[in-house]
Amino acid sequence: MKSREEFQTPLDDTAYQNEILQYVSRTFALTIPQLPEPLCTVVANAYLLCRIADTIEDDKSMSAEQKKEYSELFIAVVKGAETADTFAENLFPLLSPTATVAEHDLIANTAPVIRLTHGFNERQRSALERCVKIMADGMVRYQDAETLDGVADQNDMDQYCYYVAGVVGELLTELFCDHSPEIDAHRNEMMKLGVSFGQGLQMTNILKDIWEDHERGACWLPRNVFEKHGVDIPHKKPGKMGEGFNDALIELLGIAHAHVHNALRYTLMIPAKEKGLRKFCLWALGMSVLTLLKIRQHPDFTDGREVKITRRSVKITIFLTSLFVGQNWILKGLFKFAGRRLPMAKLTLDT
C-alpha cells in the first residue's frame, strides 16, 4: 500500500471528486451525473463525506475508541472547526491494509473534498453537517452491535437503517428543496418519505449481503423476526437453513418492498421537468426492486453474487425509466409489474 505522500495532490478539487467517485461507488458514479449542476457537485460531495465516515467505521485495525475519536474529529472537520490536513495526516497511518486503495486515496485527499464542502451555500452546508454528525454518531452507537447476534427487533433495525441511510434520504431532500422551490413546497412530506427511501435501499443491501456480513462477524437482521420462525440467528450457516429462515427472510422482503414503494411516491412528487433528479432516484429504485425479486426467487442463496442483478437488467432498468421518466402512470405500472411477486408490508410513516 502506498504512503500518504505517494497519493498525488489533485490540481482541481472538482476533478478529483469526480474521479474518485468512479472508484468508491459504481452505482453512484452512474446515478449522480444525471443530476443537474450545481446539484450534481453537492450530492457527489455528500456521498464522499458519508464514505469517509463509513471508512472509519468499517476499518479493521482501529479500536472502538479510535473510531469514536476520528468520527468526532471528522464531524469537526466538516463544520470547519478542525483542519482536513491534520485529520488526514493522523488517520491515514491507522487505516487497515484491508481498506481499498480508493479508500486510502480518499482519506489522503480529504482536504480537496472538504474545500468543496465549505464552498457551498449555507443551507447545503447545514444539511451536510447535520447528516455527517447523525451518521457518524449513529455508527459509533452501533459499534457494539456488530456481532452475529443481529439486532433486537424491527424497531432496532429501523433505527440502524436511519443512521446509515435514512438520514441520507433527509439530506438529499434538503438539497433537492434548495435546488427547486416546487420541491421545497412539499418538504415536510418528502422528508418522511426520504427516510423510507433510504431504508428501502439499505434493507435491500442488508438482505443481499447477509452471508458476506456473516463471514466478517456482523449481522443486522432482527432477531425477533427469525425467532418467531424458529431460527437462531447467531448460529445461521449458508446453505444449511430451512423453511423458517426463508419465511423470515420473505417477511423482511415485504418490509423492504414497502419502503421502496414509498420511495417511488417520493420520486413522483419531484416535478416531471426535473428529469435528472427523477433518473437519479428511479435507477436506484429499479435496481433495488430487481434485487429483492432475485432474493425472493432464491431465498436459500449462499453468496450475494447469486442474487446480484445482471448488467442487462441494469441496462433495461435505465432504458425504461429514462424513456418514461415524466410519465407517472407508466412508472407506477412498471414498478407494480416488476414487484408483482414480492410481498408488501403495511407501513406507517412517522409524523
Protein backbone atom coordinates (compact mmCIF):
# COMPACT_ATOMS: atom_id res chain seq x y z
CA MET A 1 0.00 0.00 0.00
CA LYS A 2 1.27 3.46 -0.88
CA SER A 3 2.16 6.04 1.73
CA ARG A 4 0.02 9.15 2.03
CA GLU A 5 2.68 11.21 0.27
CA GLU A 6 2.52 8.92 -2.76
CA PHE A 7 -1.10 9.79 -3.43
CA GLN A 8 -0.82 12.74 -5.79
CA THR A 9 -2.34 16.01 -4.60
CA PRO A 10 -5.03 16.94 -7.15
CA LEU A 11 -4.77 20.24 -9.02
CA ASP A 12 -8.53 20.70 -9.21
CA ASP A 13 -10.90 19.81 -6.37
CA THR A 14 -13.95 19.12 -8.54
CA ALA A 15 -11.94 16.99 -10.97
CA TYR A 16 -10.62 14.92 -8.06
CA GLN A 17 -14.12 14.46 -6.65
CA ASN A 18 -15.44 13.26 -10.00
CA GLU A 19 -12.52 10.88 -10.46
CA ILE A 20 -12.51 9.27 -7.01
CA LEU A 21 -16.27 8.76 -7.17
CA GLN A 22 -15.70 6.29 -10.02
CA TYR A 23 -13.60 4.11 -7.73
CA VAL A 24 -15.55 4.21 -4.47
CA SER A 25 -19.04 3.56 -5.88
CA ARG A 26 -20.04 2.20 -9.26
CA THR A 27 -23.72 2.80 -8.56
CA PHE A 28 -23.44 6.44 -7.50
CA ALA A 29 -20.86 7.11 -10.21
CA LEU A 30 -23.67 6.11 -12.57
CA THR A 31 -26.59 7.95 -10.95
CA ILE A 32 -25.10 11.19 -9.57
CA PRO A 33 -24.01 12.55 -13.01
CA GLN A 34 -27.69 12.51 -14.00
CA LEU A 35 -28.27 15.43 -11.64
CA PRO A 36 -28.04 18.98 -12.98
CA GLU A 37 -25.25 21.27 -11.89
CA PRO A 38 -24.57 22.59 -9.33
CA LEU A 39 -26.65 19.92 -7.53
CA CYS A 40 -24.52 17.16 -9.03
CA THR A 41 -21.38 18.54 -7.37
CA VAL A 42 -23.08 18.89 -3.97
CA VAL A 43 -24.54 15.35 -4.00
CA ALA A 44 -21.23 13.85 -5.10
CA ASN A 45 -19.57 15.69 -2.23
CA ALA A 46 -22.23 14.43 0.17
CA TYR A 47 -21.56 10.85 -0.90
CA LEU A 48 -17.82 11.21 -0.34
CA LEU A 49 -18.34 12.73 3.11
CA CYS A 50 -20.52 9.75 4.03
CA ARG A 51 -17.95 7.39 2.56
CA ILE A 52 -15.19 8.89 4.73
CA ALA A 53 -17.37 8.39 7.82
CA ASP A 54 -18.10 4.83 6.70
CA THR A 55 -14.41 4.10 6.07
CA ILE A 56 -13.63 5.00 9.67
CA GLU A 57 -16.43 2.79 10.99
CA ASP A 58 -15.57 -0.21 8.80
CA ASP A 59 -11.82 -0.17 9.49
CA LYS A 60 -10.45 -3.48 10.77
CA SER A 61 -7.37 -2.12 12.54
CA MET A 62 -8.68 0.72 14.68
CA SER A 63 -10.08 0.22 18.16
CA ALA A 64 -13.58 1.35 19.12
CA GLU A 65 -12.04 4.29 20.98
CA GLN A 66 -10.04 5.35 17.92
CA LYS A 67 -13.10 5.10 15.69
CA LYS A 68 -15.04 7.30 18.09
CA GLU A 69 -12.17 9.79 18.24
CA TYR A 70 -11.82 10.10 14.47
CA SER A 71 -15.56 10.16 13.88
CA GLU A 72 -15.81 13.14 16.22
CA LEU A 73 -12.79 14.74 14.60
CA PHE A 74 -14.32 14.32 11.14
CA ILE A 75 -17.55 15.98 12.32
CA ALA A 76 -15.43 18.93 13.45
CA VAL A 77 -13.60 18.99 10.09
CA VAL A 78 -16.88 19.19 8.17
CA LYS A 79 -18.01 22.04 10.42
CA GLY A 80 -14.71 23.85 9.85
CA ALA A 81 -13.59 23.59 13.48
CA GLU A 82 -10.60 21.37 12.62
CA THR A 83 -8.36 21.16 9.54
CA ALA A 84 -8.75 18.43 6.95
CA ASP A 85 -4.98 18.11 6.52
CA THR A 86 -4.43 17.29 10.19
CA PHE A 87 -7.31 14.80 10.11
CA ALA A 88 -5.90 13.02 7.05
CA GLU A 89 -2.32 13.08 8.31
CA ASN A 90 -3.29 11.42 11.60
CA LEU A 91 -5.89 8.96 10.29
CA PHE A 92 -4.10 7.66 7.20
CA PRO A 93 -1.39 5.62 9.02
CA LEU A 94 -4.07 3.92 11.13
CA LEU A 95 -6.06 2.56 8.18
CA SER A 96 -6.16 -1.19 7.81
CA PRO A 97 -4.39 -2.79 4.82
CA THR A 98 -7.78 -4.34 4.03
CA ALA A 99 -9.17 -0.90 3.18
CA THR A 100 -9.22 -0.43 -0.58
CA VAL A 101 -6.73 1.69 -2.49
CA ALA A 102 -9.58 4.08 -3.31
CA GLU A 103 -10.44 4.45 0.38
CA HIS A 104 -6.80 5.18 1.21
CA ASP A 105 -6.75 7.72 -1.61
CA LEU A 106 -9.93 9.38 -0.37
CA ILE A 107 -8.64 9.72 3.20
CA ALA A 108 -5.30 11.04 1.92
CA ASN A 109 -7.19 13.66 -0.10
CA THR A 110 -9.79 14.69 2.45
CA ALA A 111 -8.74 18.33 2.02
CA PRO A 112 -10.00 18.88 -1.57
CA VAL A 113 -13.31 17.21 -0.66
CA ILE A 114 -13.71 19.50 2.36
CA ARG A 115 -12.74 22.61 0.38
CA LEU A 116 -15.70 21.91 -1.88
CA THR A 117 -17.94 21.34 1.15
CA HIS A 118 -17.01 24.70 2.61
CA GLY A 119 -17.78 26.45 -0.69
CA PHE A 120 -21.46 25.51 -0.75
CA ASN A 121 -24.29 27.78 0.35
CA GLU A 122 -25.47 27.93 3.95
CA ARG A 123 -28.47 25.61 3.53
CA GLN A 124 -26.39 22.99 1.73
CA ARG A 125 -23.59 23.13 4.31
CA SER A 126 -26.03 22.90 7.19
CA ALA A 127 -27.64 19.80 5.64
CA LEU A 128 -24.25 18.17 5.06
CA GLU A 129 -23.05 18.90 8.60
CA ARG A 130 -26.27 17.50 10.10
CA CYS A 131 -26.07 14.31 8.05
CA VAL A 132 -22.42 13.62 8.86
CA LYS A 133 -22.96 14.20 12.58
CA ILE A 134 -26.02 11.94 12.81
CA MET A 135 -24.41 9.23 10.69
CA ALA A 136 -21.07 9.27 12.49
CA ASP A 137 -22.65 9.36 15.96
CA GLY A 138 -25.04 6.57 14.99
CA MET A 139 -22.27 4.36 13.66
CA VAL A 140 -20.37 4.76 16.91
CA ARG A 141 -23.54 3.83 18.81
CA TYR A 142 -23.91 0.60 16.83
CA GLN A 143 -20.26 -0.50 17.03
CA ASP A 144 -21.01 -2.97 19.80
CA ALA A 145 -23.96 -4.35 17.84
CA GLU A 146 -21.69 -5.56 15.04
CA THR A 147 -21.86 -9.20 16.08
CA LEU A 148 -23.52 -12.35 14.78
CA ASP A 149 -26.36 -11.84 17.27
CA GLY A 150 -28.24 -9.46 14.97
CA VAL A 151 -30.26 -6.50 16.25
CA ALA A 152 -33.06 -6.97 18.77
CA ASP A 153 -36.13 -6.30 16.64
CA GLN A 154 -37.52 -4.45 13.65
CA ASN A 155 -37.52 -1.13 15.52
CA ASP A 156 -33.81 -1.58 16.18
CA MET A 157 -33.19 -2.41 12.52
CA ASP A 158 -35.18 0.70 11.54
CA GLN A 159 -33.01 2.82 13.83
CA TYR A 160 -29.81 1.38 12.38
CA CYS A 161 -31.07 1.96 8.84
CA TYR A 162 -31.89 5.55 9.76
CA TYR A 163 -28.35 6.26 10.93
CA VAL A 164 -26.69 4.82 7.83
CA ALA A 165 -29.26 5.59 5.12
CA GLY A 166 -32.47 7.29 6.28
CA VAL A 167 -30.56 10.41 7.27
CA VAL A 168 -29.10 10.44 3.74
CA GLY A 169 -32.68 10.49 2.43
CA GLU A 170 -33.27 13.58 4.57
CA LEU A 171 -30.06 15.15 3.28
CA LEU A 172 -30.98 14.56 -0.36
CA THR A 173 -34.43 16.01 0.26
CA GLU A 174 -32.93 19.17 1.76
CA LEU A 175 -30.58 19.51 -1.20
CA PHE A 176 -33.43 18.92 -3.67
CA CYS A 177 -35.52 21.53 -1.85
CA ASP A 178 -32.65 24.01 -2.07
CA HIS A 179 -32.47 23.30 -5.80
CA SER A 180 -36.22 23.66 -6.53
CA PRO A 181 -38.88 25.89 -4.90
CA GLU A 182 -41.52 23.48 -6.25
CA ILE A 183 -39.99 20.60 -4.33
CA ASP A 184 -39.47 22.82 -1.30
CA ALA A 185 -43.26 23.36 -1.16
CA HIS A 186 -43.64 19.65 -0.28
CA ARG A 187 -40.64 19.47 2.06
CA ASN A 188 -42.38 18.05 5.15
CA GLU A 189 -43.98 15.07 3.38
CA MET A 190 -40.87 14.40 1.31
CA MET A 191 -38.68 14.40 4.41
CA LYS A 192 -40.69 11.49 5.85
CA LEU A 193 -40.73 9.65 2.54
CA GLY A 194 -37.00 10.33 2.14
CA VAL A 195 -36.23 8.39 5.32
CA SER A 196 -38.28 5.48 3.97
CA PHE A 197 -36.42 5.78 0.64
CA GLY A 198 -33.08 5.38 2.41
CA GLN A 199 -34.30 2.43 4.45
CA GLY A 200 -35.59 0.61 1.38
CA LEU A 201 -32.20 0.77 -0.29
CA GLN A 202 -30.35 -0.11 2.91
CA MET A 203 -32.57 -3.10 3.69
CA THR A 204 -32.01 -4.34 0.14
CA ASN A 205 -28.26 -4.24 0.75
CA ILE A 206 -28.56 -5.91 4.16
CA LEU A 207 -30.63 -8.77 2.75
CA LYS A 208 -28.34 -9.19 -0.26
CA ASP A 209 -25.21 -9.16 1.92
CA ILE A 210 -26.39 -11.48 4.72
CA TRP A 211 -23.67 -14.05 4.20
CA GLU A 212 -20.85 -11.60 3.44
CA ASP A 213 -21.70 -9.79 6.69
CA HIS A 214 -21.89 -13.15 8.48
CA GLU A 215 -18.42 -14.08 7.29
CA ARG A 216 -16.92 -10.91 8.81
CA GLY A 217 -18.83 -11.40 12.07
CA ALA A 218 -21.69 -8.95 11.58
CA CYS A 219 -25.47 -9.29 11.30
CA TRP A 220 -28.12 -6.57 11.00
CA LEU A 221 -31.15 -8.87 10.90
CA PRO A 222 -33.84 -8.51 13.61
CA ARG A 223 -33.60 -11.49 15.99
CA ASN A 224 -37.27 -11.49 16.97
CA VAL A 225 -38.45 -11.94 13.37
CA PHE A 226 -36.29 -15.04 12.95
CA GLU A 227 -37.01 -16.41 16.45
CA LYS A 228 -40.70 -16.25 15.55
CA HIS A 229 -39.92 -18.68 12.73
CA GLY A 230 -37.76 -20.91 14.94
CA VAL A 231 -34.38 -19.64 13.72
CA ASP A 232 -31.40 -18.98 15.99
CA ILE A 233 -29.73 -16.09 14.16
CA PRO A 234 -26.21 -16.29 15.70
CA HIS A 235 -25.84 -19.89 14.53
CA LYS A 236 -27.11 -19.47 10.97
CA LYS A 237 -24.99 -21.08 8.26
CA PRO A 238 -25.18 -20.55 4.49
CA GLY A 239 -26.77 -23.45 2.68
CA LYS A 240 -27.98 -25.08 5.91
CA MET A 241 -31.09 -23.05 6.74
CA GLY A 242 -34.64 -24.37 6.46
CA GLU A 243 -38.07 -23.02 5.64
CA GLY A 244 -38.22 -20.98 8.83
CA PHE A 245 -35.25 -18.88 7.71
CA ASN A 246 -36.78 -18.43 4.24
CA ASP A 247 -40.12 -17.38 5.76
CA ALA A 248 -38.43 -14.78 7.97
CA LEU A 249 -36.45 -13.51 5.00
CA ILE A 250 -39.61 -13.15 2.93
CA GLU A 251 -41.21 -11.18 5.78
CA LEU A 252 -38.31 -8.72 5.66
CA LEU A 253 -38.57 -8.55 1.87
CA GLY A 254 -42.13 -7.31 2.34
CA ILE A 255 -40.94 -4.51 4.61
CA ALA A 256 -38.13 -3.53 2.24
CA HIS A 257 -40.54 -3.57 -0.72
CA ALA A 258 -42.96 -1.29 1.15
CA HIS A 259 -40.15 1.20 1.75
CA VAL A 260 -39.20 1.09 -1.93
CA HIS A 261 -42.87 1.73 -2.76
CA ASN A 262 -42.69 4.85 -0.56
CA ALA A 263 -39.53 5.82 -2.42
CA LEU A 264 -41.48 5.70 -5.69
CA ARG A 265 -44.09 8.02 -4.14
CA TYR A 266 -41.22 10.32 -3.19
CA THR A 267 -39.81 10.28 -6.72
CA LEU A 268 -43.15 11.02 -8.37
CA MET A 269 -43.52 14.12 -6.18
CA ILE A 270 -40.50 15.58 -7.98
CA PRO A 271 -41.74 17.74 -10.89
CA ALA A 272 -41.68 15.84 -14.19
CA LYS A 273 -39.50 18.54 -15.75
CA GLU A 274 -36.72 17.62 -13.28
CA LYS A 275 -35.70 14.61 -15.35
CA GLY A 276 -32.21 14.36 -13.88
CA LEU A 277 -33.49 14.17 -10.30
CA ARG A 278 -36.06 11.56 -11.28
CA LYS A 279 -33.49 9.42 -13.09
CA PHE A 280 -31.19 9.60 -10.07
CA CYS A 281 -33.97 8.14 -7.93
CA LEU A 282 -35.59 5.78 -10.42
CA TRP A 283 -32.42 3.97 -11.43
CA ALA A 284 -31.60 3.15 -7.82
CA LEU A 285 -35.18 2.04 -7.11
CA GLY A 286 -35.39 -0.13 -10.18
CA MET A 287 -32.20 -1.96 -9.26
CA SER A 288 -33.45 -2.36 -5.68
CA VAL A 289 -36.74 -3.95 -6.76
CA LEU A 290 -34.97 -6.38 -9.09
CA THR A 291 -32.53 -7.35 -6.33
CA LEU A 292 -35.39 -8.00 -3.90
CA LEU A 293 -37.07 -10.11 -6.57
CA LYS A 294 -33.95 -12.25 -7.04
CA ILE A 295 -33.77 -12.81 -3.29
CA ARG A 296 -37.46 -13.78 -3.29
CA GLN A 297 -36.82 -16.29 -6.06
CA HIS A 298 -33.69 -17.69 -4.34
CA PRO A 299 -34.12 -17.27 -0.56
CA ASP A 300 -31.66 -20.11 0.01
CA PHE A 301 -28.80 -18.25 -1.68
CA THR A 302 -25.40 -18.61 0.00
CA ASP A 303 -23.47 -15.76 -1.63
CA GLY A 304 -24.54 -12.23 -2.55
CA ARG A 305 -23.30 -12.76 -6.08
CA GLU A 306 -26.11 -15.27 -6.60
CA VAL A 307 -28.72 -12.51 -6.20
CA LYS A 308 -26.80 -9.73 -7.90
CA ILE A 309 -28.72 -8.36 -10.87
CA THR A 310 -27.16 -8.67 -14.31
CA ARG A 311 -25.75 -5.84 -16.39
CA ARG A 312 -28.55 -6.50 -18.86
CA SER A 313 -31.10 -5.90 -16.10
CA VAL A 314 -29.36 -2.65 -15.18
CA LYS A 315 -29.43 -1.51 -18.81
CA ILE A 316 -33.12 -2.36 -19.16
CA THR A 317 -33.91 -0.52 -15.93
CA ILE A 318 -32.07 2.57 -17.12
CA PHE A 319 -33.67 2.44 -20.56
CA LEU A 320 -37.27 2.03 -19.41
CA THR A 321 -37.19 4.51 -16.53
CA SER A 322 -35.44 7.08 -18.73
CA LEU A 323 -37.92 6.55 -21.56
CA PHE A 324 -40.92 7.14 -19.28
CA VAL A 325 -39.23 9.45 -16.77
CA GLY A 326 -42.04 12.03 -16.89
CA GLN A 327 -44.99 9.62 -17.15
CA ASN A 328 -46.19 8.89 -13.62
CA TRP A 329 -48.85 6.34 -14.52
CA ILE A 330 -46.47 4.33 -16.69
CA LEU A 331 -43.79 4.39 -13.99
CA LYS A 332 -46.31 3.17 -11.42
CA GLY A 333 -47.24 0.35 -13.77
CA LEU A 334 -43.62 -0.61 -14.41
CA PHE A 335 -42.81 -0.84 -10.69
CA LYS A 336 -46.05 -2.69 -9.95
CA PHE A 337 -45.23 -5.23 -12.66
CA ALA A 338 -41.60 -5.60 -11.55
CA GLY A 339 -42.62 -6.19 -7.93
CA ARG A 340 -45.73 -8.28 -8.58
CA ARG A 341 -44.20 -11.40 -6.98
CA LEU A 342 -42.90 -9.55 -3.92
CA PRO A 343 -44.78 -9.33 -0.62
CA MET A 344 -45.74 -5.84 0.59
CA ALA A 345 -45.93 -4.96 4.27
CA LYS A 346 -48.08 -2.15 5.67
CA LEU A 347 -46.02 0.78 6.92
CA THR A 348 -46.92 3.88 8.89
CA LEU A 349 -44.67 6.88 8.36
CA ASP A 350 -43.55 8.76 11.47
CA THR A 351 -45.26 12.08 11.86
